[in-house]
């Protein structure tokens, strides 16, 4: 059973989570797609974690038992990888390793939509996707445009709240990110503002956010950790955009910014608001 947040996630709880992440350097097991593996690994290293791409069914279960956090990303799944997803998710749930489901392309592609539904039986610690993906995983529609969202993140909040029956926290990403979780027994929603419009113009940034979420879940409860990952991304991307001429210069600048952001930067600059229904 995943723990719940003691207080509503905030800039302060995000700063404390970053302090813990840098102190412990959690090891993430990434079962991810061929497009994202390199950049995703660099994001984790820059932020203060580390990564191992262990995505075959012979080793996935063993590694899920020793990793600090696990990412299951459905970006370019094969039958071989799908078997590894199952092994890693099952073992992570059994061993208490926090794991993140990133349902890339779910809703518009039937096979991976079915695969995502099967993985939900292993109760992900967190689910992170765009608005269309979150709606689709919840069974509430949500056909995206390939891997891009056709829905606003705010519109996916009811679907995200419904998914709290099987996950500890859920986020829908967009120009404004919405994250839902529980504080005690009560469901709550927060929005994380900020970020840069250059993020979606660089491949693998969304997948990297899923991996960073897995790292934060190794040091914080699901709601706090998921919000902290989004806040770290938002503040770093704003800093990187100040020194970028476009997507090509933004990609390395973002890695530098992830590394340079401090807990005090999150305290000063993270914009996290509770949403009152």
C-alpha atoms as a PDB file:
ATOM      1  CA  UNK A   1       0.000   0.000   0.000  1.00  0.00           C
ATOM      2  CA  UNK A   2       1.364   3.418  -0.930  1.00  0.00           C
ATOM      3  CA  UNK A   3       1.572   6.093   1.740  1.00  0.00           C
ATOM      4  CA  UNK A   4      -0.349   9.347   1.515  1.00  0.00           C
ATOM      5  CA  UNK A   5       0.921  12.885   1.842  1.00  0.00           C
ATOM      6  CA  UNK A   6       0.883  14.410   5.324  1.00  0.00           C
ATOM      7  CA  UNK A   7       0.269  17.892   3.891  1.00  0.00           C
ATOM      8  CA  UNK A   8      -0.686  19.311   0.516  1.00  0.00           C
ATOM      9  CA  UNK A   9       2.418  19.332  -1.701  1.00  0.00           C
ATOM     10  CA  UNK A  10       4.015  22.756  -2.006  1.00  0.00           C
ATOM     11  CA  UNK A  11       7.214  24.529  -2.975  1.00  0.00           C
ATOM     12  CA  UNK A  12       8.580  23.671   0.467  1.00  0.00           C
ATOM     13  CA  UNK A  13       7.808  19.941   0.260  1.00  0.00           C
ATOM     14  CA  UNK A  14       9.306  19.902  -3.244  1.00  0.00           C
ATOM     15  CA  UNK A  15      12.484  21.520  -1.946  1.00  0.00           C
ATOM     16  CA  UNK A  16      12.777  18.945   0.832  1.00  0.00           C
ATOM     17  CA  UNK A  17      12.245  16.140  -1.702  1.00  0.00           C
ATOM     18  CA  UNK A  18      15.043  17.533  -3.883  1.00  0.00           C
ATOM     19  CA  UNK A  19      17.344  17.633  -0.857  1.00  0.00           C
ATOM     20  CA  UNK A  20      16.605  13.963  -0.194  1.00  0.00           C
ATOM     21  CA  UNK A  21      17.062  13.030  -3.843  1.00  0.00           C
ATOM     22  CA  UNK A  22      20.494  14.654  -3.971  1.00  0.00           C
ATOM     23  CA  UNK A  23      21.494  13.011  -0.676  1.00  0.00           C
ATOM     24  CA  UNK A  24      20.432   9.481  -1.649  1.00  0.00           C
ATOM     25  CA  UNK A  25      20.993   9.432  -5.468  1.00  0.00           C
ATOM     26  CA  UNK A  26      18.209   6.914  -6.164  1.00  0.00           C
ATOM     27  CA  UNK A  27      18.708   4.292  -8.869  1.00  0.00           C
ATOM     28  CA  UNK A  28      15.873   4.186 -11.396  1.00  0.00           C
ATOM     29  CA  UNK A  29      15.133   1.162 -13.542  1.00  0.00           C
ATOM     30  CA  UNK A  30      13.843   2.492 -16.858  1.00  0.00           C
ATOM     31  CA  UNK A  31      11.834   0.255 -19.144  1.00  0.00           C
ATOM     32  CA  UNK A  32      11.491   2.915 -21.777  1.00  0.00           C
ATOM     33  CA  UNK A  33      11.373   3.482 -25.512  1.00  0.00           C
ATOM     34  CA  UNK A  34      14.154   3.629 -28.057  1.00  0.00           C
ATOM     35  CA  UNK A  35      13.601   7.339 -28.652  1.00  0.00           C
ATOM     36  CA  UNK A  36      14.100   8.414 -25.057  1.00  0.00           C
ATOM     37  CA  UNK A  37      16.681   6.188 -23.342  1.00  0.00           C
ATOM     38  CA  UNK A  38      19.757   8.381 -23.839  1.00  0.00           C
ATOM     39  CA  UNK A  39      18.243  11.770 -23.049  1.00  0.00           C
ATOM     40  CA  UNK A  40      16.205  10.328 -20.185  1.00  0.00           C
ATOM     41  CA  UNK A  41      19.360   8.937 -18.600  1.00  0.00           C
ATOM     42  CA  UNK A  42      21.091  12.305 -18.916  1.00  0.00           C
ATOM     43  CA  UNK A  43      18.098  14.002 -17.276  1.00  0.00           C
ATOM     44  CA  UNK A  44      18.279  11.671 -14.289  1.00  0.00           C
ATOM     45  CA  UNK A  45      22.024  12.130 -13.919  1.00  0.00           C
ATOM     46  CA  UNK A  46      21.703  15.904 -14.169  1.00  0.00           C
ATOM     47  CA  UNK A  47      18.892  16.054 -11.620  1.00  0.00           C
ATOM     48  CA  UNK A  48      20.812  14.005  -9.064  1.00  0.00           C
ATOM     49  CA  UNK A  49      19.650  10.413  -9.608  1.00  0.00           C
ATOM     50  CA  UNK A  50      21.006   7.585 -11.742  1.00  0.00           C
ATOM     51  CA  UNK A  51      19.550   5.139 -14.266  1.00  0.00           C
ATOM     52  CA  UNK A  52      19.726   1.584 -15.567  1.00  0.00           C
ATOM     53  CA  UNK A  53      17.854   0.576 -18.720  1.00  0.00           C
ATOM     54  CA  UNK A  54      16.914  -2.998 -17.788  1.00  0.00           C
ATOM     55  CA  UNK A  55      14.000  -3.836 -20.060  1.00  0.00           C
ATOM     56  CA  UNK A  56      14.233  -7.533 -20.900  1.00  0.00           C
ATOM     57  CA  UNK A  57      12.049 -10.215 -19.259  1.00  0.00           C
ATOM     58  CA  UNK A  58      15.060 -12.216 -18.060  1.00  0.00           C
ATOM     59  CA  UNK A  59      16.295  -9.461 -15.724  1.00  0.00           C
ATOM     60  CA  UNK A  60      13.418  -7.004 -15.298  1.00  0.00           C
ATOM     61  CA  UNK A  61      11.865  -8.665 -12.245  1.00  0.00           C
ATOM     62  CA  UNK A  62      15.163  -9.067 -10.387  1.00  0.00           C
ATOM     63  CA  UNK A  63      16.159  -5.456 -10.968  1.00  0.00           C
ATOM     64  CA  UNK A  64      12.744  -4.114  -9.956  1.00  0.00           C
ATOM     65  CA  UNK A  65      13.362  -5.653  -6.568  1.00  0.00           C
ATOM     66  CA  UNK A  66      16.579  -3.718  -5.983  1.00  0.00           C
ATOM     67  CA  UNK A  67      15.950  -0.404  -7.773  1.00  0.00           C
ATOM     68  CA  UNK A  68      14.871   2.712  -5.910  1.00  0.00           C
ATOM     69  CA  UNK A  69      12.115   3.348  -8.443  1.00  0.00           C
ATOM     70  CA  UNK A  70      10.854   1.864 -11.707  1.00  0.00           C
ATOM     71  CA  UNK A  71       9.576   3.530 -14.871  1.00  0.00           C
ATOM     72  CA  UNK A  72       7.372   1.595 -17.307  1.00  0.00           C
ATOM     73  CA  UNK A  73       7.050   3.670 -20.487  1.00  0.00           C
ATOM     74  CA  UNK A  74       4.870   2.393 -23.339  1.00  0.00           C
ATOM     75  CA  UNK A  75       6.446   4.503 -26.082  1.00  0.00           C
ATOM     76  CA  UNK A  76       7.718   1.806 -28.482  1.00  0.00           C
ATOM     77  CA  UNK A  77       6.576  -1.511 -26.989  1.00  0.00           C
ATOM     78  CA  UNK A  78       7.471  -4.896 -28.452  1.00  0.00           C
ATOM     79  CA  UNK A  79       6.160  -8.280 -27.342  1.00  0.00           C
ATOM     80  CA  UNK A  80       9.534  -8.849 -25.655  1.00  0.00           C
ATOM     81  CA  UNK A  81       9.335  -5.547 -23.797  1.00  0.00           C
ATOM     82  CA  UNK A  82       5.696  -6.108 -22.860  1.00  0.00           C
ATOM     83  CA  UNK A  83       6.721  -9.266 -21.034  1.00  0.00           C
ATOM     84  CA  UNK A  84       9.381  -7.262 -19.205  1.00  0.00           C
ATOM     85  CA  UNK A  85       6.814  -4.594 -18.293  1.00  0.00           C
ATOM     86  CA  UNK A  86       4.665  -7.261 -16.673  1.00  0.00           C
ATOM     87  CA  UNK A  87       7.574  -8.773 -14.759  1.00  0.00           C
ATOM     88  CA  UNK A  88       8.865  -5.415 -13.506  1.00  0.00           C
ATOM     89  CA  UNK A  89       5.453  -4.042 -12.517  1.00  0.00           C
ATOM     90  CA  UNK A  90       4.436  -7.226 -10.713  1.00  0.00           C
ATOM     91  CA  UNK A  91       7.693  -7.440  -8.774  1.00  0.00           C
ATOM     92  CA  UNK A  92       7.747  -3.724  -7.945  1.00  0.00           C
ATOM     93  CA  UNK A  93       4.255  -4.017  -6.469  1.00  0.00           C
ATOM     94  CA  UNK A  94       5.139  -7.162  -4.512  1.00  0.00           C
ATOM     95  CA  UNK A  95       8.437  -5.772  -3.180  1.00  0.00           C
ATOM     96  CA  UNK A  96       7.148  -2.275  -2.454  1.00  0.00           C
ATOM     97  CA  UNK A  97       9.354  -0.578  -5.041  1.00  0.00           C
ATOM     98  CA  UNK A  98       7.621   2.594  -6.267  1.00  0.00           C
ATOM     99  CA  UNK A  99       6.840   2.439  -9.964  1.00  0.00           C
ATOM    100  CA  UNK A 100       5.515   4.866 -12.539  1.00  0.00           C
ATOM    101  CA  UNK A 101       3.304   4.014 -15.510  1.00  0.00           C
ATOM    102  CA  UNK A 102       3.795   6.391 -18.459  1.00  0.00           C
ATOM    103  CA  UNK A 103       1.014   5.354 -20.893  1.00  0.00           C
ATOM    104  CA  UNK A 104       2.471   6.873 -24.069  1.00  0.00           C
ATOM    105  CA  UNK A 105      -0.002   6.691 -26.962  1.00  0.00           C
ATOM    106  CA  UNK A 106      -2.683   4.898 -24.975  1.00  0.00           C
ATOM    107  CA  UNK A 107      -6.184   5.562 -26.246  1.00  0.00           C
ATOM    108  CA  UNK A 108      -5.375   5.877 -29.933  1.00  0.00           C
ATOM    109  CA  UNK A 109      -3.621   2.491 -30.248  1.00  0.00           C
ATOM    110  CA  UNK A 110      -5.652  -0.548 -29.117  1.00  0.00           C
ATOM    111  CA  UNK A 111      -2.856  -3.013 -28.295  1.00  0.00           C
ATOM    112  CA  UNK A 112      -0.981  -0.729 -25.943  1.00  0.00           C
ATOM    113  CA  UNK A 113      -4.271   0.454 -24.451  1.00  0.00           C
ATOM    114  CA  UNK A 114      -5.008  -3.161 -23.480  1.00  0.00           C
ATOM    115  CA  UNK A 115      -1.444  -3.510 -22.201  1.00  0.00           C
ATOM    116  CA  UNK A 116      -1.866  -0.456 -19.980  1.00  0.00           C
ATOM    117  CA  UNK A 117      -5.087  -1.886 -18.546  1.00  0.00           C
ATOM    118  CA  UNK A 118      -3.284  -5.105 -17.656  1.00  0.00           C
ATOM    119  CA  UNK A 119      -0.468  -3.193 -15.964  1.00  0.00           C
ATOM    120  CA  UNK A 120      -2.968  -1.339 -13.771  1.00  0.00           C
ATOM    121  CA  UNK A 121      -3.622  -4.618 -11.937  1.00  0.00           C
ATOM    122  CA  UNK A 122      -0.165  -4.148 -10.388  1.00  0.00           C
ATOM    123  CA  UNK A 123      -1.241  -0.822  -8.883  1.00  0.00           C
ATOM    124  CA  UNK A 124       1.285   1.756 -10.075  1.00  0.00           C
ATOM    125  CA  UNK A 125       2.565   4.129  -7.444  1.00  0.00           C
ATOM    126  CA  UNK A 126       2.022   6.954  -9.919  1.00  0.00           C
ATOM    127  CA  UNK A 127       0.703   7.455 -13.448  1.00  0.00           C
ATOM    128  CA  UNK A 128       2.053  10.308 -15.574  1.00  0.00           C
ATOM    129  CA  UNK A 129       0.776  11.213 -19.024  1.00  0.00           C
ATOM    130  CA  UNK A 130      -0.838  13.887 -21.125  1.00  0.00           C
ATOM    131  CA  UNK A 131      -4.535  14.676 -20.875  1.00  0.00           C
ATOM    132  CA  UNK A 132      -5.657  12.235 -23.564  1.00  0.00           C
ATOM    133  CA  UNK A 133      -3.557   9.396 -22.156  1.00  0.00           C
ATOM    134  CA  UNK A 134      -4.860   9.847 -18.614  1.00  0.00           C
ATOM    135  CA  UNK A 135      -8.462   9.875 -19.835  1.00  0.00           C
ATOM    136  CA  UNK A 136      -7.844   6.731 -21.882  1.00  0.00           C
ATOM    137  CA  UNK A 137      -6.187   4.837 -19.023  1.00  0.00           C
ATOM    138  CA  UNK A 138      -9.190   5.665 -16.851  1.00  0.00           C
ATOM    139  CA  UNK A 139     -11.519   4.338 -19.544  1.00  0.00           C
ATOM    140  CA  UNK A 140     -13.067   7.759 -20.106  1.00  0.00           C
ATOM    141  CA  UNK A 141     -12.256   8.254 -23.794  1.00  0.00           C
ATOM    142  CA  UNK A 142      -9.182  10.233 -24.674  1.00  0.00           C
ATOM    143  CA  UNK A 143      -7.916   9.496 -28.162  1.00  0.00           C
ATOM    144  CA  UNK A 144      -4.740  11.454 -28.711  1.00  0.00           C
ATOM    145  CA  UNK A 145      -3.013  12.544 -31.905  1.00  0.00           C
ATOM    146  CA  UNK A 146      -0.393   9.811 -31.948  1.00  0.00           C
ATOM    147  CA  UNK A 147       1.627  10.439 -28.783  1.00  0.00           C
ATOM    148  CA  UNK A 148       0.377  14.041 -28.536  1.00  0.00           C
ATOM    149  CA  UNK A 149      -2.606  15.080 -26.465  1.00  0.00           C
ATOM    150  CA  UNK A 150      -5.911  16.140 -27.948  1.00  0.00           C
ATOM    151  CA  UNK A 151      -7.207  17.112 -24.487  1.00  0.00           C
ATOM    152  CA  UNK A 152      -6.321  19.876 -22.068  1.00  0.00           C
ATOM    153  CA  UNK A 153      -4.674  18.672 -18.869  1.00  0.00           C
ATOM    154  CA  UNK A 154      -7.359  20.362 -16.752  1.00  0.00           C
ATOM    155  CA  UNK A 155     -10.054  18.344 -18.528  1.00  0.00           C
ATOM    156  CA  UNK A 156      -8.304  15.136 -17.466  1.00  0.00           C
ATOM    157  CA  UNK A 157      -8.585  15.872 -13.731  1.00  0.00           C
ATOM    158  CA  UNK A 158     -11.796  13.805 -13.246  1.00  0.00           C
ATOM    159  CA  UNK A 159     -10.094  10.861 -14.955  1.00  0.00           C
ATOM    160  CA  UNK A 160      -6.983  11.337 -12.818  1.00  0.00           C
ATOM    161  CA  UNK A 161      -9.087  11.369  -9.646  1.00  0.00           C
ATOM    162  CA  UNK A 162     -10.826   8.156 -10.750  1.00  0.00           C
ATOM    163  CA  UNK A 163      -7.419   6.500 -11.139  1.00  0.00           C
ATOM    164  CA  UNK A 164      -6.652   7.057  -7.448  1.00  0.00           C
ATOM    165  CA  UNK A 165      -8.513   3.782  -6.920  1.00  0.00           C
ATOM    166  CA  UNK A 166      -5.475   1.994  -8.396  1.00  0.00           C
ATOM    167  CA  UNK A 167      -2.585   4.490  -8.110  1.00  0.00           C
ATOM    168  CA  UNK A 168      -1.071   6.603  -5.369  1.00  0.00           C
ATOM    169  CA  UNK A 169      -0.926   9.782  -7.472  1.00  0.00           C
ATOM    170  CA  UNK A 170      -1.678  10.784 -11.056  1.00  0.00           C
ATOM    171  CA  UNK A 171      -0.567  13.707 -13.206  1.00  0.00           C
ATOM    172  CA  UNK A 172      -1.744  15.154 -16.506  1.00  0.00           C
ATOM    173  CA  UNK A 173       0.876  17.277 -18.231  1.00  0.00           C
ATOM    174  CA  UNK A 174       0.333  20.320 -20.405  1.00  0.00           C
ATOM    175  CA  UNK A 175       1.084  24.054 -20.403  1.00  0.00           C
ATOM    176  CA  UNK A 176      -0.160  23.783 -16.809  1.00  0.00           C
ATOM    177  CA  UNK A 177       0.364  20.427 -15.092  1.00  0.00           C
ATOM    178  CA  UNK A 178      -2.328  18.940 -12.846  1.00  0.00           C
ATOM    179  CA  UNK A 179      -1.423  16.421 -10.158  1.00  0.00           C
ATOM    180  CA  UNK A 180      -3.867  14.526  -7.958  1.00  0.00           C
ATOM    181  CA  UNK A 181      -3.211  12.449  -4.859  1.00  0.00           C
ATOM    182  CA  UNK A 182      -4.376  11.947  -1.308  1.00  0.00           C
ATOM    183  CA  UNK A 183      -3.638  13.925   1.835  1.00  0.00           C
ATOM    184  CA  UNK A 184      -4.718  11.517   4.514  1.00  0.00           C
ATOM    185  CA  UNK A 185      -7.904   9.987   3.126  1.00  0.00           C
ATOM    186  CA  UNK A 186      -8.927  13.058   1.136  1.00  0.00           C
ATOM    187  CA  UNK A 187      -8.276  13.360  -2.622  1.00  0.00           C
ATOM    188  CA  UNK A 188      -6.679  16.664  -3.571  1.00  0.00           C
ATOM    189  CA  UNK A 189      -5.619  18.371  -6.788  1.00  0.00           C
ATOM    190  CA  UNK A 190      -2.795  20.823  -7.326  1.00  0.00           C
ATOM    191  CA  UNK A 191      -1.571  22.557 -10.433  1.00  0.00           C
ATOM    192  CA  UNK A 192       2.066  23.226 -11.203  1.00  0.00           C
ATOM    193  CA  UNK A 193       2.480  26.372 -13.265  1.00  0.00           C
ATOM    194  CA  UNK A 194       5.420  27.585 -15.274  1.00  0.00           C
ATOM    195  CA  UNK A 195       7.736  25.696 -17.567  1.00  0.00           C
ATOM    196  CA  UNK A 196       8.721  26.479 -21.124  1.00  0.00           C
ATOM    197  CA  UNK A 197       6.984  26.001 -24.466  1.00  0.00           C
ATOM    198  CA  UNK A 198      10.299  24.606 -25.715  1.00  0.00           C
ATOM    199  CA  UNK A 199       9.824  21.418 -23.661  1.00  0.00           C
ATOM    200  CA  UNK A 200       7.449  19.724 -26.141  1.00  0.00           C
ATOM    201  CA  UNK A 201       9.786  20.686 -29.007  1.00  0.00           C
ATOM    202  CA  UNK A 202      12.577  18.470 -27.653  1.00  0.00           C
ATOM    203  CA  UNK A 203      12.098  14.728 -27.925  1.00  0.00           C
ATOM    204  CA  UNK A 204      11.944  12.623 -24.753  1.00  0.00           C
ATOM    205  CA  UNK A 205      11.248  15.425 -22.287  1.00  0.00           C
ATOM    206  CA  UNK A 206       7.890  13.907 -21.338  1.00  0.00           C
ATOM    207  CA  UNK A 207       9.416  10.456 -20.958  1.00  0.00           C
ATOM    208  CA  UNK A 208      12.187  11.996 -18.876  1.00  0.00           C
ATOM    209  CA  UNK A 209       9.612  13.542 -16.567  1.00  0.00           C
ATOM    210  CA  UNK A 210       8.239  10.055 -15.962  1.00  0.00           C
ATOM    211  CA  UNK A 211      11.716   8.826 -15.076  1.00  0.00           C
ATOM    212  CA  UNK A 212      12.372  11.772 -12.774  1.00  0.00           C
ATOM    213  CA  UNK A 213       9.038  11.056 -11.112  1.00  0.00           C
ATOM    214  CA  UNK A 214      10.232   7.516 -10.371  1.00  0.00           C
ATOM    215  CA  UNK A 215      13.369   8.967  -8.778  1.00  0.00           C
ATOM    216  CA  UNK A 216      11.368  11.320  -6.574  1.00  0.00           C
ATOM    217  CA  UNK A 217       9.030   8.509  -5.530  1.00  0.00           C
ATOM    218  CA  UNK A 218      12.071   6.783  -4.058  1.00  0.00           C
ATOM    219  CA  UNK A 219      12.420   9.634  -1.534  1.00  0.00           C
ATOM    220  CA  UNK A 220       8.867  10.901  -0.973  1.00  0.00           C
ATOM    221  CA  UNK A 221       5.248   9.799  -0.819  1.00  0.00           C
ATOM    222  CA  UNK A 222       3.513   9.507  -4.225  1.00  0.00           C
ATOM    223  CA  UNK A 223       1.689  12.860  -4.202  1.00  0.00           C
ATOM    224  CA  UNK A 224       4.649  14.851  -2.884  1.00  0.00           C
ATOM    225  CA  UNK A 225       7.128  13.104  -5.173  1.00  0.00           C
ATOM    226  CA  UNK A 226       5.076  13.529  -8.317  1.00  0.00           C
ATOM    227  CA  UNK A 227       4.528  17.232  -7.636  1.00  0.00           C
ATOM    228  CA  UNK A 228       8.246  17.699  -6.871  1.00  0.00           C
ATOM    229  CA  UNK A 229       9.241  16.152 -10.201  1.00  0.00           C
ATOM    230  CA  UNK A 230       6.911  18.506 -12.071  1.00  0.00           C
ATOM    231  CA  UNK A 231       8.140  21.510 -10.086  1.00  0.00           C
ATOM    232  CA  UNK A 232      11.810  20.656 -10.725  1.00  0.00           C
ATOM    233  CA  UNK A 233      11.054  20.351 -14.447  1.00  0.00           C
ATOM    234  CA  UNK A 234       9.136  23.624 -14.577  1.00  0.00           C
ATOM    235  CA  UNK A 235      11.731  25.708 -12.769  1.00  0.00           C
ATOM    236  CA  UNK A 236      14.649  24.178 -14.706  1.00  0.00           C
ATOM    237  CA  UNK A 237      12.959  24.637 -18.074  1.00  0.00           C
ATOM    238  CA  UNK A 238      12.271  28.311 -17.362  1.00  0.00           C
ATOM    239  CA  UNK A 239      15.916  28.816 -16.477  1.00  0.00           C
ATOM    240  CA  UNK A 240      17.083  26.955 -19.600  1.00  0.00           C
ATOM    241  CA  UNK A 241      14.794  28.928 -21.891  1.00  0.00           C
ATOM    242  CA  UNK A 242      16.413  32.192 -20.801  1.00  0.00           C
ATOM    243  CA  UNK A 243      19.674  31.063 -22.405  1.00  0.00           C
ATOM    244  CA  UNK A 244      18.301  29.269 -25.475  1.00  0.00           C
ATOM    245  CA  UNK A 245      17.806  30.385 -29.061  1.00  0.00           C
ATOM    246  CA  UNK A 246      15.540  27.433 -29.849  1.00  0.00           C
ATOM    247  CA  UNK A 247      15.086  23.697 -29.317  1.00  0.00           C
ATOM    248  CA  UNK A 248      18.651  22.849 -30.307  1.00  0.00           C
ATOM    249  CA  UNK A 249      20.249  24.991 -27.628  1.00  0.00           C
ATOM    250  CA  UNK A 250      17.470  24.321 -25.134  1.00  0.00           C
ATOM    251  CA  UNK A 251      18.140  20.561 -24.915  1.00  0.00           C
ATOM    252  CA  UNK A 252      21.641  20.822 -23.366  1.00  0.00           C
ATOM    253  CA  UNK A 253      20.723  23.983 -21.439  1.00  0.00           C
ATOM    254  CA  UNK A 254      17.889  22.074 -19.799  1.00  0.00           C
ATOM    255  CA  UNK A 255      20.293  19.407 -18.552  1.00  0.00           C
ATOM    256  CA  UNK A 256      22.505  22.128 -17.087  1.00  0.00           C
ATOM    257  CA  UNK A 257      19.506  23.759 -15.443  1.00  0.00           C
ATOM    258  CA  UNK A 258      18.256  20.509 -13.901  1.00  0.00           C
ATOM    259  CA  UNK A 259      21.682  20.137 -12.302  1.00  0.00           C
ATOM    260  CA  UNK A 260      21.934  23.731 -11.113  1.00  0.00           C
ATOM    261  CA  UNK A 261      18.458  24.083  -9.577  1.00  0.00           C
ATOM    262  CA  UNK A 262      18.747  24.029  -5.794  1.00  0.00           C
ATOM    263  CA  UNK A 263      16.156  23.372  -3.092  1.00  0.00           C
ATOM    264  CA  UNK A 264      16.117  27.101  -2.382  1.00  0.00           C
ATOM    265  CA  UNK A 265      15.380  27.738  -6.079  1.00  0.00           C
ATOM    266  CA  UNK A 266      12.292  25.561  -5.719  1.00  0.00           C
ATOM    267  CA  UNK A 267      11.290  27.385  -2.550  1.00  0.00           C
ATOM    268  CA  UNK A 268      11.518  30.727  -4.381  1.00  0.00           C
ATOM    269  CA  UNK A 269      10.323  29.845  -7.866  1.00  0.00           C
ATOM    270  CA  UNK A 270       8.074  26.769  -7.876  1.00  0.00           C
ATOM    271  CA  UNK A 271       4.471  27.774  -8.459  1.00  0.00           C
ATOM    272  CA  UNK A 272       2.182  25.164  -6.947  1.00  0.00           C
ATOM    273  CA  UNK A 273      -1.473  25.912  -6.261  1.00  0.00           C
ATOM    274  CA  UNK A 274      -4.145  23.811  -4.658  1.00  0.00           C
ATOM    275  CA  UNK A 275      -7.264  23.476  -6.796  1.00  0.00           C
ATOM    276  CA  UNK A 276     -10.479  23.772  -4.822  1.00  0.00           C
ATOM    277  CA  UNK A 277     -13.345  21.939  -6.524  1.00  0.00           C
END
